[in-house]
Amino acid sequence: MPDDEYNEFCELTADQRDALWGWIGESLEPSDRRCDSYELKHLFERSPEGFYITDAQFRAAMWLSGFFGRRYHGRRYEDCESRYYYVRPKPEGLIRKLVEADVLSEWAVDAILGTGEGSA
């Protein structure tokens, strides 16, 4: 991880760092789907616990969470701002967030997993 990304990450308060790490841990899991860091940072910002962060702060948090960004082909890691990660949303994390937003748990499960259990 480049020093400037880490230094920018350290500008966040301890509570902000914890919220960002918590969101990453609850919301993302490894996958074969490729997601851009800029796209993921916007998902975090739009989440109920989200707030504005820079792409560099998000990349540093992903690195410290064990998700190592990959560089785009033909460019050195340091020259490319955005990275990409092979992750997808964790279904159980999304279900929990819907339930916390007062969606009936059966409906939340059906919306995320498509099980048909919530349709009545």
PDB file of N, CA and C in Angstrom:
ATOM      1  N   MET A   1       0.852  -1.172   0.000  1.00  0.00           N
ATOM      2  CA  MET A   1       0.000   0.000   0.000  1.00  0.00           C
ATOM      3  C   MET A   1       0.899   1.235   0.000  1.00  0.00           C
ATOM      4  N   PRO A   2       0.623   2.158  -0.900  1.00  0.00           N
ATOM      5  CA  PRO A   2       1.409   3.403  -0.926  1.00  0.00           C
ATOM      6  C   PRO A   2       1.229   4.207   0.362  1.00  0.00           C
ATOM      7  N   ASP A   3       2.291   4.874   0.786  1.00  0.00           N
ATOM      8  CA  ASP A   3       2.254   5.664   2.018  1.00  0.00           C
ATOM      9  C   ASP A   3       1.185   6.742   1.987  1.00  0.00           C
ATOM     10  N   ASP A   4       0.977   7.385   0.834  1.00  0.00           N
ATOM     11  CA  ASP A   4      -0.006   8.470   0.786  1.00  0.00           C
ATOM     12  C   ASP A   4      -1.423   7.955   1.034  1.00  0.00           C
ATOM     13  N   GLU A   5      -1.723   6.720   0.595  1.00  0.00           N
ATOM     14  CA  GLU A   5      -3.043   6.148   0.876  1.00  0.00           C
ATOM     15  C   GLU A   5      -3.201   5.914   2.376  1.00  0.00           C
ATOM     16  N   TYR A   6      -2.181   5.360   3.007  1.00  0.00           N
ATOM     17  CA  TYR A   6      -2.240   5.109   4.438  1.00  0.00           C
ATOM     18  C   TYR A   6      -2.344   6.415   5.209  1.00  0.00           C
ATOM     19  N   ASN A   7      -1.572   7.419   4.822  1.00  0.00           N
ATOM     20  CA  ASN A   7      -1.624   8.718   5.504  1.00  0.00           C
ATOM     21  C   ASN A   7      -3.008   9.348   5.376  1.00  0.00           C
ATOM     22  N   GLU A   8      -3.618   9.222   4.209  1.00  0.00           N
ATOM     23  CA  GLU A   8      -4.962   9.767   4.011  1.00  0.00           C
ATOM     24  C   GLU A   8      -5.975   8.999   4.862  1.00  0.00           C
ATOM     25  N   PHE A   9      -5.816   7.682   4.951  1.00  0.00           N
ATOM     26  CA  PHE A   9      -6.683   6.857   5.785  1.00  0.00           C
ATOM     27  C   PHE A   9      -6.587   7.292   7.245  1.00  0.00           C
ATOM     28  N   CYS A  10      -5.390   7.635   7.703  1.00  0.00           N
ATOM     29  CA  CYS A  10      -5.181   8.037   9.092  1.00  0.00           C
ATOM     30  C   CYS A  10      -5.838   9.380   9.422  1.00  0.00           C
ATOM     31  N   GLU A  11      -6.265  10.115   8.408  1.00  0.00           N
ATOM     32  CA  GLU A  11      -6.986  11.367   8.642  1.00  0.00           C
ATOM     33  C   GLU A  11      -8.403  11.111   9.157  1.00  0.00           C
ATOM     34  N   LEU A  12      -8.926   9.897   8.954  1.00  0.00           N
ATOM     35  CA  LEU A  12     -10.247   9.551   9.481  1.00  0.00           C
ATOM     36  C   LEU A  12     -10.156   9.416  10.996  1.00  0.00           C
ATOM     37  N   THR A  13     -11.257   9.721  11.688  1.00  0.00           N
ATOM     38  CA  THR A  13     -11.282   9.510  13.132  1.00  0.00           C
ATOM     39  C   THR A  13     -11.310   8.007  13.413  1.00  0.00           C
ATOM     40  N   ALA A  14     -11.029   7.637  14.643  1.00  0.00           N
ATOM     41  CA  ALA A  14     -11.070   6.220  15.027  1.00  0.00           C
ATOM     42  C   ALA A  14     -12.471   5.648  14.802  1.00  0.00           C
ATOM     43  N   ASP A  15     -13.512   6.423  15.120  1.00  0.00           N
ATOM     44  CA  ASP A  15     -14.889   5.957  14.904  1.00  0.00           C
ATOM     45  C   ASP A  15     -15.179   5.761  13.421  1.00  0.00           C
ATOM     46  N   GLN A  16     -14.677   6.669  12.579  1.00  0.00           N
ATOM     47  CA  GLN A  16     -14.883   6.525  11.143  1.00  0.00           C
ATOM     48  C   GLN A  16     -14.150   5.304  10.601  1.00  0.00           C
ATOM     49  N   ARG A  17     -12.916   5.088  11.054  1.00  0.00           N
ATOM     50  CA  ARG A  17     -12.175   3.899  10.618  1.00  0.00           C
ATOM     51  C   ARG A  17     -12.905   2.627  11.027  1.00  0.00           C
ATOM     52  N   ASP A  18     -13.405   2.596  12.266  1.00  0.00           N
ATOM     53  CA  ASP A  18     -14.145   1.423  12.745  1.00  0.00           C
ATOM     54  C   ASP A  18     -15.412   1.195  11.936  1.00  0.00           C
ATOM     55  N   ALA A  19     -16.135   2.267  11.613  1.00  0.00           N
ATOM     56  CA  ALA A  19     -17.358   2.133  10.818  1.00  0.00           C
ATOM     57  C   ALA A  19     -17.041   1.595   9.420  1.00  0.00           C
ATOM     58  N   LEU A  20     -15.982   2.090   8.815  1.00  0.00           N
ATOM     59  CA  LEU A  20     -15.589   1.637   7.482  1.00  0.00           C
ATOM     60  C   LEU A  20     -15.146   0.179   7.514  1.00  0.00           C
ATOM     61  N   TRP A  21     -14.314  -0.191   8.473  1.00  0.00           N
ATOM     62  CA  TRP A  21     -13.889  -1.591   8.603  1.00  0.00           C
ATOM     63  C   TRP A  21     -15.086  -2.497   8.879  1.00  0.00           C
ATOM     64  N   GLY A  22     -15.986  -2.027   9.737  1.00  0.00           N
ATOM     65  CA  GLY A  22     -17.180  -2.818  10.032  1.00  0.00           C
ATOM     66  C   GLY A  22     -18.020  -3.060   8.795  1.00  0.00           C
ATOM     67  N   TRP A  23     -18.190  -2.019   7.986  1.00  0.00           N
ATOM     68  CA  TRP A  23     -18.979  -2.148   6.756  1.00  0.00           C
ATOM     69  C   TRP A  23     -18.317  -3.137   5.798  1.00  0.00           C
ATOM     70  N   ILE A  24     -17.017  -3.036   5.635  1.00  0.00           N
ATOM     71  CA  ILE A  24     -16.300  -3.956   4.743  1.00  0.00           C
ATOM     72  C   ILE A  24     -16.485  -5.387   5.230  1.00  0.00           C
ATOM     73  N   GLY A  25     -16.295  -5.613   6.534  1.00  0.00           N
ATOM     74  CA  GLY A  25     -16.410  -6.957   7.092  1.00  0.00           C
ATOM     75  C   GLY A  25     -17.816  -7.529   7.011  1.00  0.00           C
ATOM     76  N   GLU A  26     -18.826  -6.682   7.201  1.00  0.00           N
ATOM     77  CA  GLU A  26     -20.219  -7.141   7.171  1.00  0.00           C
ATOM     78  C   GLU A  26     -20.788  -7.229   5.766  1.00  0.00           C
ATOM     79  N   SER A  27     -20.262  -6.455   4.850  1.00  0.00           N
ATOM     80  CA  SER A  27     -20.928  -6.290   3.558  1.00  0.00           C
ATOM     81  C   SER A  27     -20.260  -6.975   2.381  1.00  0.00           C
ATOM     82  N   LEU A  28     -18.979  -7.314   2.478  1.00  0.00           N
ATOM     83  CA  LEU A  28     -18.264  -7.847   1.324  1.00  0.00           C
ATOM     84  C   LEU A  28     -17.663  -9.215   1.614  1.00  0.00           C
ATOM     85  N   GLU A  29     -17.614 -10.047   0.577  1.00  0.00           N
ATOM     86  CA  GLU A  29     -16.955 -11.341   0.664  1.00  0.00           C
ATOM     87  C   GLU A  29     -16.266 -11.624  -0.663  1.00  0.00           C
ATOM     88  N   PRO A  30     -15.242 -12.482  -0.644  1.00  0.00           N
ATOM     89  CA  PRO A  30     -14.539 -12.810  -1.889  1.00  0.00           C
ATOM     90  C   PRO A  30     -15.483 -13.417  -2.928  1.00  0.00           C
ATOM     91  N   SER A  31     -15.193 -13.137  -4.180  1.00  0.00           N
ATOM     92  CA  SER A  31     -16.023 -13.610  -5.285  1.00  0.00           C
ATOM     93  C   SER A  31     -15.193 -13.589  -6.554  1.00  0.00           C
ATOM     94  N   ASP A  32     -15.777 -14.027  -7.656  1.00  0.00           N
ATOM     95  CA  ASP A  32     -15.097 -13.883  -8.937  1.00  0.00           C
ATOM     96  C   ASP A  32     -15.659 -12.694  -9.712  1.00  0.00           C
ATOM     97  N   ARG A  33     -16.486 -11.870  -9.061  1.00  0.00           N
ATOM     98  CA  ARG A  33     -16.999 -10.640  -9.670  1.00  0.00           C
ATOM     99  C   ARG A  33     -16.001  -9.516  -9.404  1.00  0.00           C
ATOM    100  N   ARG A  34     -15.672  -8.780 -10.429  1.00  0.00           N
ATOM    101  CA  ARG A  34     -14.697  -7.697 -10.312  1.00  0.00           C
ATOM    102  C   ARG A  34     -15.406  -6.380 -10.031  1.00  0.00           C
ATOM    103  N   CYS A  35     -15.005  -5.697  -8.957  1.00  0.00           N
ATOM    104  CA  CYS A  35     -15.588  -4.416  -8.572  1.00  0.00           C
ATOM    105  C   CYS A  35     -14.485  -3.377  -8.433  1.00  0.00           C
ATOM    106  N   ASP A  36     -14.743  -2.207  -8.927  1.00  0.00           N
ATOM    107  CA  ASP A  36     -13.813  -1.092  -8.868  1.00  0.00           C
ATOM    108  C   ASP A  36     -13.873  -0.428  -7.493  1.00  0.00           C
ATOM    109  N   SER A  37     -12.739   0.034  -6.981  1.00  0.00           N
ATOM    110  CA  SER A  37     -12.702   0.679  -5.667  1.00  0.00           C
ATOM    111  C   SER A  37     -13.595   1.910  -5.617  1.00  0.00           C
ATOM    112  N   TYR A  38     -13.675   2.648  -6.703  1.00  0.00           N
ATOM    113  CA  TYR A  38     -14.498   3.859  -6.722  1.00  0.00           C
ATOM    114  C   TYR A  38     -15.979   3.492  -6.615  1.00  0.00           C
ATOM    115  N   GLU A  39     -16.385   2.424  -7.285  1.00  0.00           N
ATOM    116  CA  GLU A  39     -17.764   1.928  -7.197  1.00  0.00           C
ATOM    117  C   GLU A  39     -18.073   1.482  -5.768  1.00  0.00           C
ATOM    118  N   LEU A  40     -17.160   0.749  -5.155  1.00  0.00           N
ATOM    119  CA  LEU A  40     -17.367   0.250  -3.796  1.00  0.00           C
ATOM    120  C   LEU A  40     -17.408   1.374  -2.771  1.00  0.00           C
ATOM    121  N   LYS A  41     -16.567   2.381  -2.942  1.00  0.00           N
ATOM    122  CA  LYS A  41     -16.566   3.499  -1.993  1.00  0.00           C
ATOM    123  C   LYS A  41     -17.905   4.217  -2.021  1.00  0.00           C
ATOM    124  N   HIS A  42     -18.523   4.323  -3.199  1.00  0.00           N
ATOM    125  CA  HIS A  42     -19.836   4.958  -3.300  1.00  0.00           C
ATOM    126  C   HIS A  42     -20.919   4.102  -2.653  1.00  0.00           C
ATOM    127  N   LEU A  43     -20.801   2.785  -2.729  1.00  0.00           N
ATOM    128  CA  LEU A  43     -21.747   1.912  -2.028  1.00  0.00           C
ATOM    129  C   LEU A  43     -21.660   2.149  -0.529  1.00  0.00           C
ATOM    130  N   PHE A  44     -20.441   2.259  -0.013  1.00  0.00           N
ATOM    131  CA  PHE A  44     -20.275   2.552   1.404  1.00  0.00           C
ATOM    132  C   PHE A  44     -20.901   3.895   1.752  1.00  0.00           C
ATOM    133  N   GLU A  45     -20.632   4.922   0.971  1.00  0.00           N
ATOM    134  CA  GLU A  45     -21.140   6.265   1.271  1.00  0.00           C
ATOM    135  C   GLU A  45     -22.670   6.299   1.296  1.00  0.00           C
ATOM    136  N   ARG A  46     -23.308   5.462   0.482  1.00  0.00           N
ATOM    137  CA  ARG A  46     -24.775   5.438   0.412  1.00  0.00           C
ATOM    138  C   ARG A  46     -25.402   4.532   1.467  1.00  0.00           C
ATOM    139  N   SER A  47     -24.592   3.774   2.179  1.00  0.00           N
ATOM    140  CA  SER A  47     -25.127   2.879   3.200  1.00  0.00           C
ATOM    141  C   SER A  47     -25.555   3.694   4.419  1.00  0.00           C
ATOM    142  N   PRO A  48     -26.436   3.125   5.266  1.00  0.00           N
ATOM    143  CA  PRO A  48     -26.906   3.882   6.435  1.00  0.00           C
ATOM    144  C   PRO A  48     -25.773   4.364   7.349  1.00  0.00           C
ATOM    145  N   GLU A  49     -24.712   3.595   7.490  1.00  0.00           N
ATOM    146  CA  GLU A  49     -23.604   3.993   8.350  1.00  0.00           C
ATOM    147  C   GLU A  49     -22.519   4.756   7.599  1.00  0.00           C
ATOM    148  N   GLY A  50     -22.745   5.019   6.327  1.00  0.00           N
ATOM    149  CA  GLY A  50     -21.742   5.622   5.472  1.00  0.00           C
ATOM    150  C   GLY A  50     -21.572   7.120   5.648  1.00  0.00           C
ATOM    151  N   PHE A  51     -20.505   7.622   5.105  1.00  0.00           N
ATOM    152  CA  PHE A  51     -20.141   9.030   5.098  1.00  0.00           C
ATOM    153  C   PHE A  51     -19.125   9.212   3.979  1.00  0.00           C
ATOM    154  N   TYR A  52     -18.820  10.453   3.637  1.00  0.00           N
ATOM    155  CA  TYR A  52     -17.881  10.707   2.547  1.00  0.00           C
ATOM    156  C   TYR A  52     -16.478  10.232   2.923  1.00  0.00           C
ATOM    157  N   ILE A  53     -15.861   9.503   1.990  1.00  0.00           N
ATOM    158  CA  ILE A  53     -14.456   9.112   2.102  1.00  0.00           C
ATOM    159  C   ILE A  53     -13.832   9.256   0.717  1.00  0.00           C
ATOM    160  N   THR A  54     -12.533   9.346   0.686  1.00  0.00           N
ATOM    161  CA  THR A  54     -11.848   9.391  -0.602  1.00  0.00           C
ATOM    162  C   THR A  54     -11.591   7.963  -1.088  1.00  0.00           C
ATOM    163  N   ASP A  55     -11.309   7.839  -2.358  1.00  0.00           N
ATOM    164  CA  ASP A  55     -10.986   6.528  -2.922  1.00  0.00           C
ATOM    165  C   ASP A  55      -9.728   5.970  -2.248  1.00  0.00           C
ATOM    166  N   ALA A  56      -8.763   6.837  -1.958  1.00  0.00           N
ATOM    167  CA  ALA A  56      -7.529   6.398  -1.296  1.00  0.00           C
ATOM    168  C   ALA A  56      -7.825   5.859   0.104  1.00  0.00           C
ATOM    169  N   GLN A  57      -8.711   6.513   0.838  1.00  0.00           N
ATOM    170  CA  GLN A  57      -9.074   6.036   2.168  1.00  0.00           C
ATOM    171  C   GLN A  57      -9.758   4.672   2.075  1.00  0.00           C
ATOM    172  N   PHE A  58     -10.626   4.517   1.068  1.00  0.00           N
ATOM    173  CA  PHE A  58     -11.294   3.233   0.900  1.00  0.00           C
ATOM    174  C   PHE A  58     -10.297   2.138   0.541  1.00  0.00           C
ATOM    175  N   ARG A  59      -9.382   2.428  -0.387  1.00  0.00           N
ATOM    176  CA  ARG A  59      -8.388   1.427  -0.788  1.00  0.00           C
ATOM    177  C   ARG A  59      -7.523   1.001   0.397  1.00  0.00           C
ATOM    178  N   ALA A  60      -7.126   1.962   1.240  1.00  0.00           N
ATOM    179  CA  ALA A  60      -6.322   1.635   2.417  1.00  0.00           C
ATOM    180  C   ALA A  60      -7.115   0.752   3.376  1.00  0.00           C
ATOM    181  N   ALA A  61      -8.392   1.057   3.590  1.00  0.00           N
ATOM    182  CA  ALA A  61      -9.224   0.239   4.480  1.00  0.00           C
ATOM    183  C   ALA A  61      -9.383  -1.172   3.929  1.00  0.00           C
ATOM    184  N   MET A  62      -9.558  -1.290   2.613  1.00  0.00           N
ATOM    185  CA  MET A  62      -9.660  -2.625   2.011  1.00  0.00           C
ATOM    186  C   MET A  62      -8.357  -3.390   2.232  1.00  0.00           C
ATOM    187  N   TRP A  63      -7.230  -2.747   2.018  1.00  0.00           N
ATOM    188  CA  TRP A  63      -5.921  -3.382   2.200  1.00  0.00           C
ATOM    189  C   TRP A  63      -5.774  -3.875   3.642  1.00  0.00           C
ATOM    190  N   LEU A  64      -6.094  -3.005   4.590  1.00  0.00           N
ATOM    191  CA  LEU A  64      -5.967  -3.357   6.003  1.00  0.00           C
ATOM    192  C   LEU A  64      -6.994  -4.405   6.429  1.00  0.00           C
ATOM    193  N   SER A  65      -8.048  -4.592   5.643  1.00  0.00           N
ATOM    194  CA  SER A  65      -9.061  -5.619   5.904  1.00  0.00           C
ATOM    195  C   SER A  65      -8.727  -6.938   5.221  1.00  0.00           C
ATOM    196  N   GLY A  66      -7.626  -6.961   4.492  1.00  0.00           N
ATOM    197  CA  GLY A  66      -7.205  -8.202   3.845  1.00  0.00           C
ATOM    198  C   GLY A  66      -7.635  -8.347   2.401  1.00  0.00           C
ATOM    199  N   PHE A  67      -8.241  -7.317   1.828  1.00  0.00           N
ATOM    200  CA  PHE A  67      -8.606  -7.331   0.404  1.00  0.00           C
ATOM    201  C   PHE A  67      -7.573  -6.491  -0.343  1.00  0.00           C
ATOM    202  N   PHE A  68      -6.729  -7.163  -1.088  1.00  0.00           N
ATOM    203  CA  PHE A  68      -5.650  -6.478  -1.783  1.00  0.00           C
ATOM    204  C   PHE A  68      -6.089  -6.121  -3.189  1.00  0.00           C
ATOM    205  N   GLY A  69      -6.108  -4.826  -3.472  1.00  0.00           N
ATOM    206  CA  GLY A  69      -6.520  -4.350  -4.783  1.00  0.00           C
ATOM    207  C   GLY A  69      -5.555  -4.767  -5.868  1.00  0.00           C
ATOM    208  N   ARG A  70      -6.101  -4.944  -7.029  1.00  0.00           N
ATOM    209  CA  ARG A  70      -5.270  -5.309  -8.179  1.00  0.00           C
ATOM    210  C   ARG A  70      -5.167  -4.112  -9.114  1.00  0.00           C
ATOM    211  N   ARG A  71      -4.033  -4.022  -9.737  1.00  0.00           N
ATOM    212  CA  ARG A  71      -3.817  -2.904 -10.656  1.00  0.00           C
ATOM    213  C   ARG A  71      -4.446  -3.224 -12.007  1.00  0.00           C
ATOM    214  N   TYR A  72      -4.775  -2.187 -12.701  1.00  0.00           N
ATOM    215  CA  TYR A  72      -5.279  -2.361 -14.055  1.00  0.00           C
ATOM    216  C   TYR A  72      -4.106  -2.682 -14.975  1.00  0.00           C
ATOM    217  N   HIS A  73      -4.283  -3.583 -15.890  1.00  0.00           N
ATOM    218  CA  HIS A  73      -3.221  -4.035 -16.784  1.00  0.00           C
ATOM    219  C   HIS A  73      -2.630  -2.872 -17.573  1.00  0.00           C
ATOM    220  N   GLY A  74      -1.320  -2.907 -17.712  1.00  0.00           N
ATOM    221  CA  GLY A  74      -0.630  -1.888 -18.481  1.00  0.00           C
ATOM    222  C   GLY A  74      -0.276  -0.650 -17.684  1.00  0.00           C
ATOM    223  N   ARG A  75      -0.617  -0.624 -16.397  1.00  0.00           N
ATOM    224  CA  ARG A  75      -0.304   0.540 -15.566  1.00  0.00           C
ATOM    225  C   ARG A  75       0.349   0.067 -14.285  1.00  0.00           C
ATOM    226  N   ARG A  76       1.285   0.830 -13.813  1.00  0.00           N
ATOM    227  CA  ARG A  76       1.899   0.520 -12.525  1.00  0.00           C
ATOM    228  C   ARG A  76       0.899   0.807 -11.423  1.00  0.00           C
ATOM    229  N   TYR A  77       0.967   0.061 -10.340  1.00  0.00           N
ATOM    230  CA  TYR A  77       0.044   0.206  -9.203  1.00  0.00           C
ATOM    231  C   TYR A  77      -0.006   1.648  -8.713  1.00  0.00           C
ATOM    232  N   GLU A  78       1.152   2.279  -8.595  1.00  0.00           N
ATOM    233  CA  GLU A  78       1.211   3.631  -8.056  1.00  0.00           C
ATOM    234  C   GLU A  78       0.604   4.670  -8.994  1.00  0.00           C
ATOM    235  N   ASP A  79       0.528   4.371 -10.303  1.00  0.00           N
ATOM    236  CA  ASP A  79       0.037   5.348 -11.268  1.00  0.00           C
ATOM    237  C   ASP A  79      -1.477   5.336 -11.423  1.00  0.00           C
ATOM    238  N   CYS A  80      -2.133   4.315 -10.974  1.00  0.00           N
ATOM    239  CA  CYS A  80      -3.566   4.161 -11.182  1.00  0.00           C
ATOM    240  C   CYS A  80      -4.290   4.405  -9.869  1.00  0.00           C
ATOM    241  N   GLU A  81      -5.179   5.365  -9.852  1.00  0.00           N
ATOM    242  CA  GLU A  81      -5.874   5.665  -8.612  1.00  0.00           C
ATOM    243  C   GLU A  81      -6.789   4.530  -8.189  1.00  0.00           C
ATOM    244  N   SER A  82      -7.709   4.131  -9.040  1.00  0.00           N
ATOM    245  CA  SER A  82      -8.644   3.073  -8.670  1.00  0.00           C
ATOM    246  C   SER A  82      -7.980   1.707  -8.782  1.00  0.00           C
ATOM    247  N   ARG A  83      -8.410   0.796  -7.926  1.00  0.00           N
ATOM    248  CA  ARG A  83      -7.994  -0.598  -7.996  1.00  0.00           C
ATOM    249  C   ARG A  83      -9.249  -1.417  -8.218  1.00  0.00           C
ATOM    250  N   TYR A  84      -9.091  -2.673  -8.506  1.00  0.00           N
ATOM    251  CA  TYR A  84     -10.265  -3.528  -8.551  1.00  0.00           C
ATOM    252  C   TYR A  84     -10.067  -4.703  -7.616  1.00  0.00           C
ATOM    253  N   TYR A  85     -11.188  -5.200  -7.138  1.00  0.00           N
ATOM    254  CA  TYR A  85     -11.228  -6.277  -6.152  1.00  0.00           C
ATOM    255  C   TYR A  85     -12.199  -7.330  -6.647  1.00  0.00           C
ATOM    256  N   TYR A  86     -11.936  -8.568  -6.288  1.00  0.00           N
ATOM    257  CA  TYR A  86     -12.870  -9.641  -6.583  1.00  0.00           C
ATOM    258  C   TYR A  86     -13.707  -9.887  -5.331  1.00  0.00           C
ATOM    259  N   VAL A  87     -14.817  -9.158  -5.235  1.00  0.00           N
ATOM    260  CA  VAL A  87     -15.720  -9.239  -4.091  1.00  0.00           C
ATOM    261  C   VAL A  87     -17.167  -9.150  -4.566  1.00  0.00           C
ATOM    262  N   ARG A  88     -18.070  -9.528  -3.655  1.00  0.00           N
ATOM    263  CA  ARG A  88     -19.498  -9.366  -3.889  1.00  0.00           C
ATOM    264  C   ARG A  88     -20.139  -9.051  -2.549  1.00  0.00           C
ATOM    265  N   PRO A  89     -21.371  -8.533  -2.572  1.00  0.00           N
ATOM    266  CA  PRO A  89     -22.060  -8.275  -1.303  1.00  0.00           C
ATOM    267  C   PRO A  89     -22.352  -9.587  -0.571  1.00  0.00           C
ATOM    268  N   LYS A  90     -22.223  -9.574   0.737  1.00  0.00           N
ATOM    269  CA  LYS A  90     -22.587 -10.725   1.566  1.00  0.00           C
ATOM    270  C   LYS A  90     -24.103 -10.721   1.734  1.00  0.00           C
ATOM    271  N   PRO A  91     -24.783 -11.781   1.320  1.00  0.00           N
ATOM    272  CA  PRO A  91     -26.243 -11.792   1.454  1.00  0.00           C
ATOM    273  C   PRO A  91     -26.723 -11.583   2.894  1.00  0.00           C
ATOM    274  N   GLU A  92     -26.084 -12.229   3.869  1.00  0.00           N
ATOM    275  CA  GLU A  92     -26.549 -12.088   5.252  1.00  0.00           C
ATOM    276  C   GLU A  92     -26.379 -10.664   5.767  1.00  0.00           C
ATOM    277  N   GLY A  93     -25.334  -9.982   5.315  1.00  0.00           N
ATOM    278  CA  GLY A  93     -25.147  -8.584   5.707  1.00  0.00           C
ATOM    279  C   GLY A  93     -26.232  -7.692   5.140  1.00  0.00           C
ATOM    280  N   LEU A  94     -26.604  -7.926   3.892  1.00  0.00           N
ATOM    281  CA  LEU A  94     -27.669  -7.132   3.275  1.00  0.00           C
ATOM    282  C   LEU A  94     -29.018  -7.416   3.929  1.00  0.00           C
ATOM    283  N   ILE A  95     -29.281  -8.673   4.237  1.00  0.00           N
ATOM    284  CA  ILE A  95     -30.535  -9.025   4.908  1.00  0.00           C
ATOM    285  C   ILE A  95     -30.619  -8.314   6.259  1.00  0.00           C
ATOM    286  N   ARG A  96     -29.530  -8.341   7.029  1.00  0.00           N
ATOM    287  CA  ARG A  96     -29.514  -7.685   8.329  1.00  0.00           C
ATOM    288  C   ARG A  96     -29.774  -6.190   8.192  1.00  0.00           C
ATOM    289  N   LYS A  97     -29.190  -5.555   7.184  1.00  0.00           N
ATOM    290  CA  LYS A  97     -29.393  -4.116   6.980  1.00  0.00           C
ATOM    291  C   LYS A  97     -30.849  -3.807   6.629  1.00  0.00           C
ATOM    292  N   LEU A  98     -31.483  -4.675   5.818  1.00  0.00           N
ATOM    293  CA  LEU A  98     -32.899  -4.471   5.499  1.00  0.00           C
ATOM    294  C   LEU A  98     -33.769  -4.623   6.742  1.00  0.00           C
ATOM    295  N   VAL A  99     -33.476  -5.624   7.556  1.00  0.00           N
ATOM    296  CA  VAL A  99     -34.250  -5.836   8.780  1.00  0.00           C
ATOM    297  C   VAL A  99     -34.061  -4.645   9.723  1.00  0.00           C
ATOM    298  N   GLU A 100     -32.846  -4.125   9.824  1.00  0.00           N
ATOM    299  CA  GLU A 100     -32.594  -2.941  10.657  1.00  0.00           C
ATOM    300  C   GLU A 100     -33.359  -1.724  10.140  1.00  0.00           C
ATOM    301  N   ALA A 101     -33.682  -1.727   8.845  1.00  0.00           N
ATOM    302  CA  ALA A 101     -34.451  -0.629   8.249  1.00  0.00           C
ATOM    303  C   ALA A 101     -35.954  -0.919   8.318  1.00  0.00           C
ATOM    304  N   ASP A 102     -36.355  -1.866   9.184  1.00  0.00           N
ATOM    305  CA  ASP A 102     -37.750  -2.221   9.442  1.00  0.00           C
ATOM    306  C   ASP A 102     -38.447  -2.955   8.303  1.00  0.00           C
ATOM    307  N   VAL A 103     -37.685  -3.658   7.470  1.00  0.00           N
ATOM    308  CA  VAL A 103     -38.276  -4.549   6.470  1.00  0.00           C
ATOM    309  C   VAL A 103     -38.488  -5.889   7.174  1.00  0.00           C
ATOM    310  N   LEU A 104     -39.661  -6.491   6.987  1.00  0.00           N
ATOM    311  CA  LEU A 104     -39.920  -7.795   7.602  1.00  0.00           C
ATOM    312  C   LEU A 104     -38.828  -8.776   7.205  1.00  0.00           C
ATOM    313  N   SER A 105     -38.365  -9.575   8.150  1.00  0.00           N
ATOM    314  CA  SER A 105     -37.228 -10.453   7.882  1.00  0.00           C
ATOM    315  C   SER A 105     -37.520 -11.433   6.750  1.00  0.00           C
ATOM    316  N   GLU A 106     -38.753 -11.952   6.661  1.00  0.00           N
ATOM    317  CA  GLU A 106     -39.081 -12.884   5.579  1.00  0.00           C
ATOM    318  C   GLU A 106     -38.974 -12.194   4.219  1.00  0.00           C
ATOM    319  N   TRP A 107     -39.412 -10.950   4.157  1.00  0.00           N
ATOM    320  CA  TRP A 107     -39.330 -10.198   2.900  1.00  0.00           C
ATOM    321  C   TRP A 107     -37.878  -9.898   2.545  1.00  0.00           C
ATOM    322  N   ALA A 108     -37.085  -9.585   3.561  1.00  0.00           N
ATOM    323  CA  ALA A 108     -35.672  -9.288   3.320  1.00  0.00           C
ATOM    324  C   ALA A 108     -34.965 -10.517   2.760  1.00  0.00           C
ATOM    325  N   VAL A 109     -35.230 -11.690   3.339  1.00  0.00           N
ATOM    326  CA  VAL A 109     -34.625 -12.931   2.850  1.00  0.00           C
ATOM    327  C   VAL A 109     -35.050 -13.180   1.412  1.00  0.00           C
ATOM    328  N   ASP A 110     -36.338 -13.003   1.126  1.00  0.00           N
ATOM    329  CA  ASP A 110     -36.842 -13.228  -0.228  1.00  0.00           C
ATOM    330  C   ASP A 110     -36.219 -12.238  -1.216  1.00  0.00           C
ATOM    331  N   ALA A 111     -36.081 -10.983  -0.800  1.00  0.00           N
ATOM    332  CA  ALA A 111     -35.516  -9.966  -1.703  1.00  0.00           C
ATOM    333  C   ALA A 111     -34.068 -10.257  -2.048  1.00  0.00           C
ATOM    334  N   ILE A 112     -33.299 -10.744  -1.113  1.00  0.00           N
ATOM    335  CA  ILE A 112     -31.875 -10.973  -1.325  1.00  0.00           C
ATOM    336  C   ILE A 112     -31.613 -12.358  -1.913  1.00  0.00           C
ATOM    337  N   LEU A 113     -32.271 -13.369  -1.377  1.00  0.00           N
ATOM    338  CA  LEU A 113     -31.991 -14.737  -1.801  1.00  0.00           C
ATOM    339  C   LEU A 113     -32.977 -15.270  -2.827  1.00  0.00           C
ATOM    340  N   GLY A 114     -34.127 -14.591  -2.984  1.00  0.00           N
ATOM    341  CA  GLY A 114     -35.110 -15.051  -3.953  1.00  0.00           C
ATOM    342  C   GLY A 114     -35.691 -16.410  -3.619  1.00  0.00           C
ATOM    343  N   THR A 115     -35.895 -16.677  -2.323  1.00  0.00           N
ATOM    344  CA  THR A 115     -36.364 -17.990  -1.900  1.00  0.00           C
ATOM    345  C   THR A 115     -37.868 -18.172  -2.022  1.00  0.00           C
ATOM    346  N   GLY A 116     -38.594 -17.068  -2.158  1.00  0.00           N
ATOM    347  CA  GLY A 116     -40.057 -17.177  -2.215  1.00  0.00           C
ATOM    348  C   GLY A 116     -40.691 -17.281  -0.850  1.00  0.00           C
ATOM    349  N   GLU A 117     -39.903 -17.281   0.223  1.00  0.00           N
ATOM    350  CA  GLU A 117     -40.445 -17.411   1.578  1.00  0.00           C
ATOM    351  C   GLU A 117     -41.216 -16.175   2.005  1.00  0.00           C
ATOM    352  N   GLY A 118     -40.856 -15.003   1.489  1.00  0.00           N
ATOM    353  CA  GLY A 118     -41.496 -13.778   1.932  1.00  0.00           C
ATOM    354  C   GLY A 118     -42.752 -13.434   1.160  1.00  0.00           C
ATOM    355  N   SER A 119     -43.064 -14.134   0.103  1.00  0.00           N
ATOM    356  CA  SER A 119     -44.233 -13.799  -0.703  1.00  0.00           C
ATOM    357  C   SER A 119     -45.459 -14.498  -0.139  1.00  0.00           C
ATOM    358  N   ALA A 120     -46.373 -13.694   0.354  1.00  0.00           N
ATOM    359  CA  ALA A 120     -47.609 -14.265   0.886  1.00  0.00           C
ATOM    360  C   ALA A 120     -48.739 -13.328   0.689  1.00  0.00           C
TER     361      ALA A 120
END
